Each structure stands twice: as structure tokens, then as C-alpha cells.
Amino acid sequence: MSGIDIGDRMPHATLLGTDGGNHDLADRSASATVVYWTCNHCPYALAWQDRIHQVAREYSDRGVRVLAVNSNNAETHPADSFEAMCDRVESEGGWPNPYLHDETQEVARSFGALKTPDVFVFDRDLGLRYRGAPDDDYDDPSRDAAWLRGALDAVLAGEQPEPAATEPVGCGIKWK
């Protein structure tokens, strides 16, 4: 599958969110942008959700934008339909970041996203600086999305994250 590598620019895309708005992923108004793939049913995505949401809350005042994307095939996985996404966000009392629907799966393909979750961190100029897992153990909340936080701290300081890439861990995206 094609996709982007460290240093490549974010592909342009606009996706519909559960909030009813269209969100331009390549909006340059943020000091850093996190785009991560998730879904409603994957145990890995669910295990990391609170940690990623906490990062969205804590880094928003530093100008960081966090966007969640669901690209799963809703025909084979109805729990990942746009309606189910909306219901989930509502039942959880809202999310600290937009939850976007990639119905055509074109955005996942352009990024090269593979798993839920698969995290991409971009700098102010939309250059990819980190790609991979939020931290090294989905089953240990004390890990606190350390790789994601480290990547954001480095990007906000104008430095290259170390590590710049880790292996994404999770359920495979459900392709059409």
C-alpha cells in the first residue's frame, strides 16, 4: 500500500465529523496536528482511547489539533458506521477531538494507515514527524501515550522526535 513516510507532507483531505462539520485535515492553523485511526470495536483502539483523549485535552492549549479517523468498512462492520460513530460520541458525553468518517477509505490509503490505532504526528508545516503506536503497551494505562507525548513535545520544540517511527499495534483496518 502506498502512503507517506517521515518528512512527507500530509495528504489533503476533508472529512465529515460526528459533529456534523467538515474538517480539513491539512489546516495549517495548528502548531502540530495528530491524525489517528480508530474505530468503535477494536480492543486496542478502545484500550488506548482514554490516553489519546487525555493528550487531546492537555495539548489543546499548546495549539495542537487532534483528529480521530474511522475508515473501516461499515458494510462488514456495522458497529463502525457513521451513525454508530455519532451514537458513541453522544453516549460518551462528547470527545475532546473530532471523530471523522473516511467512508471511501481514500484518506487511509493516502496516509498508508494500517491499524486501529495508527498515529501520525505532523508539524506546523504539515510534515510527518512521527508515525506508530501511542506507547509501548496498550494494556498498561500508566504508559500514558508516552511515544505520542514525546513526539508532540519534540515537534513543539522544533526537534525531530526519537523514536520517529514505531510499529502500529492494533486491529487491521477493515478494507472494502
N, C-alpha and C. Protein backbone atom coordinates (compact mmCIF):
# COMPACT_ATOMS: atom_id res chain seq x y z
N MET A 1 0.85 -1.19 0.00
CA MET A 1 0.00 0.00 0.00
C MET A 1 0.88 1.23 0.00
N SER A 2 0.47 2.22 -0.75
CA SER A 2 1.19 3.49 -0.74
C SER A 2 0.91 4.20 0.57
N GLY A 3 1.54 5.29 0.75
CA GLY A 3 1.34 6.06 1.97
C GLY A 3 2.43 7.11 2.08
N ILE A 4 2.59 7.64 3.26
CA ILE A 4 3.58 8.69 3.49
C ILE A 4 4.64 8.19 4.46
N ASP A 5 5.81 8.79 4.35
CA ASP A 5 6.96 8.48 5.21
C ASP A 5 7.33 9.70 6.02
N ILE A 6 8.18 9.49 7.03
CA ILE A 6 8.65 10.61 7.85
C ILE A 6 9.24 11.67 6.91
N GLY A 7 8.82 12.92 7.12
CA GLY A 7 9.25 14.04 6.30
C GLY A 7 8.29 14.40 5.18
N ASP A 8 7.43 13.46 4.78
CA ASP A 8 6.45 13.75 3.73
C ASP A 8 5.36 14.69 4.26
N ARG A 9 4.71 15.38 3.36
CA ARG A 9 3.61 16.29 3.72
C ARG A 9 2.30 15.51 3.86
N MET A 10 1.45 16.03 4.71
CA MET A 10 0.13 15.44 4.91
C MET A 10 -0.68 15.51 3.62
N PRO A 11 -1.29 14.41 3.24
CA PRO A 11 -2.21 14.46 2.09
C PRO A 11 -3.40 15.36 2.42
N HIS A 12 -3.88 16.08 1.42
CA HIS A 12 -5.04 16.94 1.65
C HIS A 12 -6.31 16.10 1.67
N ALA A 13 -7.16 16.37 2.63
CA ALA A 13 -8.45 15.68 2.72
C ALA A 13 -9.38 16.48 3.61
N THR A 14 -10.66 16.39 3.31
CA THR A 14 -11.71 16.96 4.16
C THR A 14 -12.68 15.84 4.46
N LEU A 15 -12.97 15.64 5.75
CA LEU A 15 -13.85 14.55 6.17
C LEU A 15 -14.98 15.07 7.05
N LEU A 16 -16.11 14.39 6.97
CA LEU A 16 -17.27 14.70 7.80
C LEU A 16 -17.06 14.16 9.21
N GLY A 17 -17.36 15.00 10.19
CA GLY A 17 -17.23 14.60 11.59
C GLY A 17 -18.56 14.28 12.22
N THR A 18 -18.51 13.60 13.34
CA THR A 18 -19.73 13.29 14.08
C THR A 18 -20.42 14.55 14.59
N ASP A 19 -19.71 15.68 14.59
CA ASP A 19 -20.29 16.96 14.98
C ASP A 19 -21.08 17.60 13.84
N GLY A 20 -21.11 16.93 12.66
CA GLY A 20 -21.84 17.44 11.51
C GLY A 20 -21.03 18.37 10.64
N GLY A 21 -19.81 18.71 11.06
CA GLY A 21 -18.98 19.62 10.28
C GLY A 21 -17.99 18.89 9.40
N ASN A 22 -17.53 19.59 8.37
CA ASN A 22 -16.46 19.09 7.52
C ASN A 22 -15.14 19.61 8.07
N HIS A 23 -14.17 18.70 8.21
CA HIS A 23 -12.88 19.05 8.81
C HIS A 23 -11.76 18.87 7.80
N ASP A 24 -11.02 19.95 7.57
CA ASP A 24 -9.87 19.93 6.67
C ASP A 24 -8.67 19.43 7.45
N LEU A 25 -8.19 18.24 7.13
CA LEU A 25 -7.06 17.68 7.85
C LEU A 25 -5.82 18.53 7.69
N ALA A 26 -5.65 19.15 6.54
CA ALA A 26 -4.44 19.91 6.24
C ALA A 26 -4.55 21.39 6.62
N ASP A 27 -5.38 21.71 7.58
CA ASP A 27 -5.50 23.08 8.09
C ASP A 27 -4.18 23.43 8.78
N ARG A 28 -3.56 24.51 8.37
CA ARG A 28 -2.23 24.89 8.90
C ARG A 28 -2.31 25.81 10.12
N SER A 29 -3.45 25.93 10.75
CA SER A 29 -3.57 26.86 11.87
C SER A 29 -3.02 26.30 13.18
N ALA A 30 -2.72 25.01 13.22
CA ALA A 30 -2.25 24.38 14.45
C ALA A 30 -0.73 24.37 14.53
N SER A 31 -0.20 24.36 15.75
CA SER A 31 1.25 24.24 15.94
C SER A 31 1.71 22.81 15.68
N ALA A 32 0.81 21.86 15.78
CA ALA A 32 1.06 20.45 15.45
C ALA A 32 -0.31 19.80 15.26
N THR A 33 -0.34 18.75 14.45
CA THR A 33 -1.59 18.03 14.19
C THR A 33 -1.36 16.55 14.37
N VAL A 34 -2.25 15.93 15.13
CA VAL A 34 -2.25 14.48 15.30
C VAL A 34 -3.46 13.94 14.55
N VAL A 35 -3.22 12.99 13.64
CA VAL A 35 -4.30 12.28 12.97
C VAL A 35 -4.12 10.82 13.34
N TYR A 36 -5.15 10.23 13.95
CA TYR A 36 -5.02 8.82 14.32
C TYR A 36 -6.24 8.05 13.88
N TRP A 37 -5.99 6.79 13.49
CA TRP A 37 -7.07 5.91 13.06
C TRP A 37 -7.58 5.15 14.26
N THR A 38 -8.91 5.06 14.34
CA THR A 38 -9.56 4.35 15.43
C THR A 38 -10.86 3.78 14.89
N CYS A 39 -11.60 3.13 15.76
CA CYS A 39 -12.91 2.60 15.38
C CYS A 39 -13.69 2.32 16.66
N ASN A 40 -14.89 1.80 16.50
CA ASN A 40 -15.78 1.58 17.64
C ASN A 40 -15.63 0.22 18.30
N HIS A 41 -14.95 -0.73 17.66
CA HIS A 41 -14.98 -2.09 18.21
C HIS A 41 -13.61 -2.70 18.53
N CYS A 42 -12.53 -2.18 18.00
CA CYS A 42 -11.21 -2.78 18.20
C CYS A 42 -10.76 -2.66 19.66
N PRO A 43 -10.40 -3.77 20.30
CA PRO A 43 -9.98 -3.69 21.71
C PRO A 43 -8.72 -2.85 21.91
N TYR A 44 -7.82 -2.80 20.93
CA TYR A 44 -6.62 -1.97 21.06
C TYR A 44 -6.99 -0.49 21.01
N ALA A 45 -7.82 -0.12 20.05
CA ALA A 45 -8.27 1.27 19.94
C ALA A 45 -9.01 1.70 21.21
N LEU A 46 -9.85 0.82 21.71
CA LEU A 46 -10.59 1.14 22.94
C LEU A 46 -9.65 1.26 24.13
N ALA A 47 -8.63 0.41 24.21
CA ALA A 47 -7.69 0.45 25.33
C ALA A 47 -6.90 1.76 25.34
N TRP A 48 -6.53 2.27 24.17
CA TRP A 48 -5.74 3.49 24.09
C TRP A 48 -6.59 4.76 24.06
N GLN A 49 -7.91 4.63 23.92
CA GLN A 49 -8.75 5.81 23.72
C GLN A 49 -8.60 6.86 24.82
N ASP A 50 -8.70 6.47 26.08
CA ASP A 50 -8.62 7.46 27.15
C ASP A 50 -7.28 8.20 27.16
N ARG A 51 -6.21 7.48 26.87
CA ARG A 51 -4.88 8.11 26.84
C ARG A 51 -4.78 9.13 25.71
N ILE A 52 -5.30 8.78 24.55
CA ILE A 52 -5.24 9.71 23.42
C ILE A 52 -6.16 10.90 23.68
N HIS A 53 -7.32 10.66 24.25
CA HIS A 53 -8.22 11.78 24.59
C HIS A 53 -7.57 12.71 25.61
N GLN A 54 -6.83 12.15 26.55
CA GLN A 54 -6.15 12.99 27.54
C GLN A 54 -5.08 13.85 26.87
N VAL A 55 -4.36 13.28 25.91
CA VAL A 55 -3.39 14.07 25.15
C VAL A 55 -4.11 15.21 24.43
N ALA A 56 -5.25 14.92 23.80
CA ALA A 56 -6.01 15.97 23.11
C ALA A 56 -6.38 17.10 24.06
N ARG A 57 -6.81 16.74 25.26
CA ARG A 57 -7.19 17.76 26.26
C ARG A 57 -5.97 18.58 26.69
N GLU A 58 -4.89 17.88 27.05
CA GLU A 58 -3.72 18.55 27.62
C GLU A 58 -2.95 19.39 26.62
N TYR A 59 -2.94 19.01 25.37
CA TYR A 59 -2.13 19.73 24.38
C TYR A 59 -2.92 20.76 23.59
N SER A 60 -4.22 20.83 23.77
CA SER A 60 -5.01 21.79 23.00
C SER A 60 -4.60 23.23 23.30
N ASP A 61 -4.24 23.53 24.55
CA ASP A 61 -3.84 24.90 24.88
C ASP A 61 -2.46 25.24 24.34
N ARG A 62 -1.76 24.25 23.77
CA ARG A 62 -0.46 24.49 23.12
C ARG A 62 -0.62 24.54 21.60
N GLY A 63 -1.88 24.61 21.15
CA GLY A 63 -2.15 24.74 19.73
C GLY A 63 -2.15 23.45 18.95
N VAL A 64 -2.22 22.31 19.64
CA VAL A 64 -2.21 21.01 18.97
C VAL A 64 -3.63 20.60 18.62
N ARG A 65 -3.81 20.18 17.40
CA ARG A 65 -5.09 19.68 16.90
C ARG A 65 -5.01 18.16 16.84
N VAL A 66 -6.03 17.49 17.36
CA VAL A 66 -6.09 16.03 17.33
C VAL A 66 -7.35 15.63 16.57
N LEU A 67 -7.19 14.73 15.59
CA LEU A 67 -8.30 14.28 14.77
C LEU A 67 -8.33 12.76 14.74
N ALA A 68 -9.47 12.17 15.07
CA ALA A 68 -9.66 10.72 15.00
C ALA A 68 -10.36 10.39 13.69
N VAL A 69 -9.91 9.33 13.02
CA VAL A 69 -10.49 8.93 11.74
C VAL A 69 -10.89 7.46 11.80
N ASN A 70 -12.10 7.18 11.34
CA ASN A 70 -12.57 5.80 11.21
C ASN A 70 -12.75 5.51 9.72
N SER A 71 -11.97 4.55 9.22
CA SER A 71 -12.02 4.18 7.80
C SER A 71 -12.58 2.78 7.58
N ASN A 72 -13.04 2.13 8.62
CA ASN A 72 -13.49 0.74 8.48
C ASN A 72 -14.70 0.61 7.58
N ASN A 73 -14.80 -0.53 6.92
CA ASN A 73 -15.92 -0.88 6.06
C ASN A 73 -17.15 -1.13 6.93
N ALA A 74 -18.11 -0.23 6.86
CA ALA A 74 -19.32 -0.33 7.70
C ALA A 74 -20.26 -1.43 7.21
N GLU A 75 -20.10 -1.87 5.97
CA GLU A 75 -20.95 -2.96 5.47
C GLU A 75 -20.62 -4.27 6.17
N THR A 76 -19.34 -4.52 6.37
CA THR A 76 -18.93 -5.76 7.06
C THR A 76 -18.82 -5.56 8.57
N HIS A 77 -18.70 -4.29 9.00
CA HIS A 77 -18.57 -3.97 10.42
C HIS A 77 -19.53 -2.83 10.77
N PRO A 78 -20.84 -3.15 10.90
CA PRO A 78 -21.84 -2.09 11.14
C PRO A 78 -21.58 -1.27 12.40
N ALA A 79 -20.83 -1.81 13.35
CA ALA A 79 -20.50 -1.04 14.56
C ALA A 79 -19.65 0.18 14.23
N ASP A 80 -19.10 0.22 13.01
CA ASP A 80 -18.27 1.34 12.60
C ASP A 80 -18.95 2.25 11.58
N SER A 81 -20.26 2.16 11.47
CA SER A 81 -20.99 3.06 10.56
C SER A 81 -20.94 4.48 11.11
N PHE A 82 -21.20 5.44 10.25
CA PHE A 82 -21.21 6.83 10.69
C PHE A 82 -22.25 7.05 11.79
N GLU A 83 -23.41 6.43 11.65
CA GLU A 83 -24.46 6.55 12.67
C GLU A 83 -23.97 5.99 14.02
N ALA A 84 -23.29 4.85 13.97
CA ALA A 84 -22.76 4.26 15.21
C ALA A 84 -21.67 5.13 15.81
N MET A 85 -20.88 5.77 14.96
CA MET A 85 -19.86 6.70 15.45
C MET A 85 -20.52 7.86 16.20
N CYS A 86 -21.57 8.43 15.60
CA CYS A 86 -22.30 9.54 16.23
C CYS A 86 -22.90 9.11 17.56
N ASP A 87 -23.52 7.92 17.57
CA ASP A 87 -24.12 7.40 18.80
C ASP A 87 -23.07 7.23 19.89
N ARG A 88 -21.91 6.73 19.51
CA ARG A 88 -20.85 6.50 20.50
C ARG A 88 -20.39 7.81 21.13
N VAL A 89 -20.10 8.79 20.30
CA VAL A 89 -19.64 10.08 20.83
C VAL A 89 -20.70 10.68 21.75
N GLU A 90 -21.96 10.60 21.34
CA GLU A 90 -23.04 11.13 22.18
C GLU A 90 -23.15 10.37 23.50
N SER A 91 -23.09 9.04 23.44
CA SER A 91 -23.23 8.23 24.66
C SER A 91 -22.06 8.44 25.62
N GLU A 92 -20.90 8.85 25.08
CA GLU A 92 -19.73 9.11 25.92
C GLU A 92 -19.66 10.56 26.37
N GLY A 93 -20.69 11.34 26.07
CA GLY A 93 -20.73 12.72 26.51
C GLY A 93 -19.82 13.65 25.71
N GLY A 94 -19.50 13.24 24.49
CA GLY A 94 -18.64 14.05 23.63
C GLY A 94 -17.19 13.62 23.72
N TRP A 95 -16.43 14.01 22.72
CA TRP A 95 -15.00 13.74 22.67
C TRP A 95 -14.25 15.06 22.67
N PRO A 96 -13.00 15.07 23.14
CA PRO A 96 -12.22 16.31 23.13
C PRO A 96 -11.63 16.63 21.76
N ASN A 97 -11.87 15.75 20.80
CA ASN A 97 -11.37 15.94 19.45
C ASN A 97 -12.42 15.45 18.45
N PRO A 98 -12.39 15.95 17.23
CA PRO A 98 -13.33 15.48 16.22
C PRO A 98 -13.12 14.00 15.88
N TYR A 99 -14.23 13.33 15.59
CA TYR A 99 -14.22 11.93 15.16
C TYR A 99 -14.75 11.93 13.74
N LEU A 100 -13.90 11.59 12.78
CA LEU A 100 -14.17 11.78 11.36
C LEU A 100 -14.39 10.45 10.64
N HIS A 101 -15.22 10.51 9.62
CA HIS A 101 -15.58 9.31 8.86
C HIS A 101 -14.92 9.34 7.48
N ASP A 102 -14.16 8.31 7.17
CA ASP A 102 -13.50 8.15 5.88
C ASP A 102 -14.21 7.03 5.13
N GLU A 103 -15.42 7.32 4.67
CA GLU A 103 -16.28 6.31 4.06
C GLU A 103 -15.64 5.64 2.84
N THR A 104 -14.94 6.42 2.01
CA THR A 104 -14.35 5.87 0.79
C THR A 104 -13.02 5.15 1.04
N GLN A 105 -12.45 5.33 2.20
CA GLN A 105 -11.16 4.78 2.60
C GLN A 105 -9.99 5.41 1.85
N GLU A 106 -10.26 6.45 1.07
CA GLU A 106 -9.20 7.11 0.31
C GLU A 106 -8.18 7.79 1.22
N VAL A 107 -8.64 8.33 2.33
CA VAL A 107 -7.71 9.02 3.23
C VAL A 107 -6.78 8.00 3.89
N ALA A 108 -7.33 6.90 4.36
CA ALA A 108 -6.48 5.86 4.96
C ALA A 108 -5.44 5.38 3.96
N ARG A 109 -5.84 5.18 2.72
CA ARG A 109 -4.89 4.73 1.69
C ARG A 109 -3.82 5.79 1.41
N SER A 110 -4.21 7.06 1.36
CA SER A 110 -3.23 8.11 1.06
C SER A 110 -2.21 8.27 2.18
N PHE A 111 -2.62 8.03 3.42
CA PHE A 111 -1.69 8.08 4.55
C PHE A 111 -0.89 6.78 4.67
N GLY A 112 -1.48 5.68 4.21
CA GLY A 112 -0.88 4.37 4.43
C GLY A 112 -1.24 3.81 5.79
N ALA A 113 -2.36 4.26 6.36
CA ALA A 113 -2.80 3.77 7.67
C ALA A 113 -3.09 2.27 7.60
N LEU A 114 -2.71 1.57 8.65
CA LEU A 114 -2.84 0.12 8.66
C LEU A 114 -3.68 -0.42 9.80
N LYS A 115 -3.62 0.20 10.95
CA LYS A 115 -4.19 -0.35 12.18
C LYS A 115 -5.10 0.65 12.87
N THR A 116 -5.85 0.14 13.83
CA THR A 116 -6.57 0.99 14.77
C THR A 116 -6.06 0.63 16.17
N PRO A 117 -5.25 1.55 16.76
CA PRO A 117 -4.88 2.87 16.26
C PRO A 117 -3.60 2.86 15.43
N ASP A 118 -3.46 3.88 14.62
CA ASP A 118 -2.26 4.19 13.86
C ASP A 118 -2.15 5.70 13.95
N VAL A 119 -1.10 6.20 14.60
CA VAL A 119 -0.97 7.61 14.96
C VAL A 119 0.04 8.30 14.05
N PHE A 120 -0.35 9.47 13.52
CA PHE A 120 0.52 10.29 12.68
C PHE A 120 0.62 11.67 13.33
N VAL A 121 1.84 12.16 13.56
CA VAL A 121 2.07 13.48 14.15
C VAL A 121 2.75 14.36 13.10
N PHE A 122 2.15 15.52 12.84
CA PHE A 122 2.64 16.47 11.85
C PHE A 122 3.05 17.77 12.52
N ASP A 123 4.08 18.41 11.98
CA ASP A 123 4.50 19.71 12.48
C ASP A 123 3.62 20.82 11.88
N ARG A 124 3.94 22.06 12.21
CA ARG A 124 3.16 23.22 11.75
C ARG A 124 3.06 23.28 10.23
N ASP A 125 4.11 22.83 9.54
CA ASP A 125 4.13 22.85 8.08
C ASP A 125 3.56 21.58 7.47
N LEU A 126 2.94 20.75 8.29
CA LEU A 126 2.28 19.51 7.89
C LEU A 126 3.25 18.45 7.38
N GLY A 127 4.48 18.50 7.89
CA GLY A 127 5.45 17.44 7.62
C GLY A 127 5.28 16.33 8.66
N LEU A 128 5.29 15.09 8.21
CA LEU A 128 5.15 13.96 9.13
C LEU A 128 6.41 13.81 9.96
N ARG A 129 6.26 13.81 11.28
CA ARG A 129 7.39 13.72 12.20
C ARG A 129 7.38 12.45 13.04
N TYR A 130 6.21 11.84 13.23
CA TYR A 130 6.11 10.58 13.97
C TYR A 130 4.97 9.78 13.39
N ARG A 131 5.17 8.44 13.39
CA ARG A 131 4.11 7.54 12.97
C ARG A 131 4.25 6.24 13.74
N GLY A 132 3.14 5.76 14.32
CA GLY A 132 3.18 4.47 15.00
C GLY A 132 2.15 4.35 16.10
N ALA A 133 2.54 3.68 17.16
CA ALA A 133 1.67 3.42 18.31
C ALA A 133 1.72 4.60 19.29
N PRO A 134 0.68 4.76 20.11
CA PRO A 134 0.70 5.83 21.12
C PRO A 134 1.77 5.61 22.19
N ASP A 135 2.00 4.36 22.57
CA ASP A 135 3.04 3.99 23.53
C ASP A 135 3.33 2.51 23.35
N ASP A 136 4.12 1.94 24.25
CA ASP A 136 4.59 0.58 24.04
C ASP A 136 3.73 -0.52 24.66
N ASP A 137 2.57 -0.18 25.23
CA ASP A 137 1.75 -1.24 25.84
C ASP A 137 0.30 -0.80 25.96
N TYR A 138 -0.53 -1.26 25.04
CA TYR A 138 -1.94 -0.89 25.06
C TYR A 138 -2.63 -1.30 26.36
N ASP A 139 -2.11 -2.32 27.01
CA ASP A 139 -2.75 -2.89 28.19
C ASP A 139 -2.29 -2.23 29.50
N ASP A 140 -1.43 -1.21 29.41
CA ASP A 140 -0.89 -0.57 30.61
C ASP A 140 -1.15 0.93 30.55
N PRO A 141 -2.26 1.39 31.16
CA PRO A 141 -2.58 2.82 31.11
C PRO A 141 -1.48 3.72 31.67
N SER A 142 -0.62 3.19 32.54
CA SER A 142 0.44 4.03 33.11
C SER A 142 1.46 4.46 32.06
N ARG A 143 1.45 3.83 30.88
CA ARG A 143 2.36 4.22 29.80
C ARG A 143 1.99 5.60 29.25
N ASP A 144 0.72 6.00 29.41
CA ASP A 144 0.25 7.37 29.22
C ASP A 144 0.56 7.97 27.84
N ALA A 145 0.49 7.13 26.80
CA ALA A 145 0.75 7.60 25.43
C ALA A 145 2.11 8.28 25.34
N ALA A 146 3.11 7.68 25.95
CA ALA A 146 4.45 8.29 26.06
C ALA A 146 5.08 8.59 24.71
N TRP A 147 4.94 7.71 23.72
CA TRP A 147 5.54 7.98 22.41
C TRP A 147 4.84 9.15 21.74
N LEU A 148 3.53 9.20 21.84
CA LEU A 148 2.78 10.31 21.26
C LEU A 148 3.15 11.62 21.95
N ARG A 149 3.20 11.61 23.28
CA ARG A 149 3.57 12.81 24.02
C ARG A 149 4.99 13.26 23.68
N GLY A 150 5.91 12.30 23.61
CA GLY A 150 7.29 12.62 23.28
C GLY A 150 7.40 13.23 21.89
N ALA A 151 6.64 12.68 20.94
CA ALA A 151 6.65 13.21 19.58
C ALA A 151 6.11 14.64 19.57
N LEU A 152 5.02 14.88 20.27
CA LEU A 152 4.46 16.24 20.31
C LEU A 152 5.42 17.21 20.99
N ASP A 153 6.01 16.80 22.10
CA ASP A 153 6.95 17.69 22.79
C ASP A 153 8.12 18.06 21.88
N ALA A 154 8.64 17.08 21.14
CA ALA A 154 9.75 17.35 20.23
C ALA A 154 9.31 18.29 19.11
N VAL A 155 8.18 18.01 18.48
CA VAL A 155 7.69 18.84 17.38
C VAL A 155 7.46 20.28 17.86
N LEU A 156 6.85 20.43 19.03
CA LEU A 156 6.59 21.77 19.55
C LEU A 156 7.88 22.52 19.89
N ALA A 157 8.96 21.77 20.17
CA ALA A 157 10.27 22.37 20.45
C ALA A 157 11.10 22.55 19.18
N GLY A 158 10.53 22.18 18.02
CA GLY A 158 11.25 22.31 16.76
C GLY A 158 12.27 21.22 16.53
N GLU A 159 12.11 20.10 17.20
CA GLU A 159 13.06 19.00 17.09
C GLU A 159 12.40 17.79 16.44
N GLN A 160 13.23 16.85 16.00
CA GLN A 160 12.72 15.59 15.43
C GLN A 160 12.48 14.60 16.57
N PRO A 161 11.30 13.99 16.64
CA PRO A 161 11.03 13.01 17.70
C PRO A 161 11.96 11.80 17.61
N GLU A 162 12.26 11.23 18.77
CA GLU A 162 13.00 9.99 18.85
C GLU A 162 12.25 9.08 19.82
N PRO A 163 11.67 7.99 19.37
CA PRO A 163 11.76 7.49 18.01
C PRO A 163 10.84 8.28 17.06
N ALA A 164 11.19 8.26 15.77
CA ALA A 164 10.36 8.92 14.77
C ALA A 164 9.29 7.98 14.25
N ALA A 165 9.49 6.68 14.44
CA ALA A 165 8.50 5.70 13.97
C ALA A 165 8.56 4.48 14.87
N THR A 166 7.38 3.94 15.14
CA THR A 166 7.25 2.68 15.84
C THR A 166 6.24 1.85 15.05
N GLU A 167 6.16 0.60 15.37
CA GLU A 167 5.21 -0.27 14.67
C GLU A 167 3.81 -0.01 15.22
N PRO A 168 2.83 0.34 14.37
CA PRO A 168 1.47 0.47 14.87
C PRO A 168 0.96 -0.90 15.34
N VAL A 169 0.23 -0.89 16.44
CA VAL A 169 -0.30 -2.12 17.04
C VAL A 169 -1.80 -1.98 17.14
N GLY A 170 -2.53 -2.97 16.65
CA GLY A 170 -3.98 -2.93 16.76
C GLY A 170 -4.64 -3.82 15.75
N CYS A 171 -5.92 -3.62 15.58
CA CYS A 171 -6.69 -4.37 14.59
C CYS A 171 -6.42 -3.76 13.21
N GLY A 172 -6.35 -4.58 12.21
CA GLY A 172 -6.20 -4.08 10.85
C GLY A 172 -7.43 -3.31 10.42
N ILE A 173 -7.21 -2.28 9.61
CA ILE A 173 -8.35 -1.55 9.04
C ILE A 173 -9.15 -2.53 8.21
N LYS A 174 -10.45 -2.45 8.30
CA LYS A 174 -11.37 -3.36 7.58
C LYS A 174 -11.65 -2.77 6.20
N TRP A 175 -10.92 -3.27 5.21
CA TRP A 175 -10.98 -2.73 3.85
C TRP A 175 -12.19 -3.25 3.09
N LYS A 176 -12.63 -2.46 2.14
CA LYS A 176 -13.73 -2.85 1.25
C LYS A 176 -13.17 -3.77 0.18
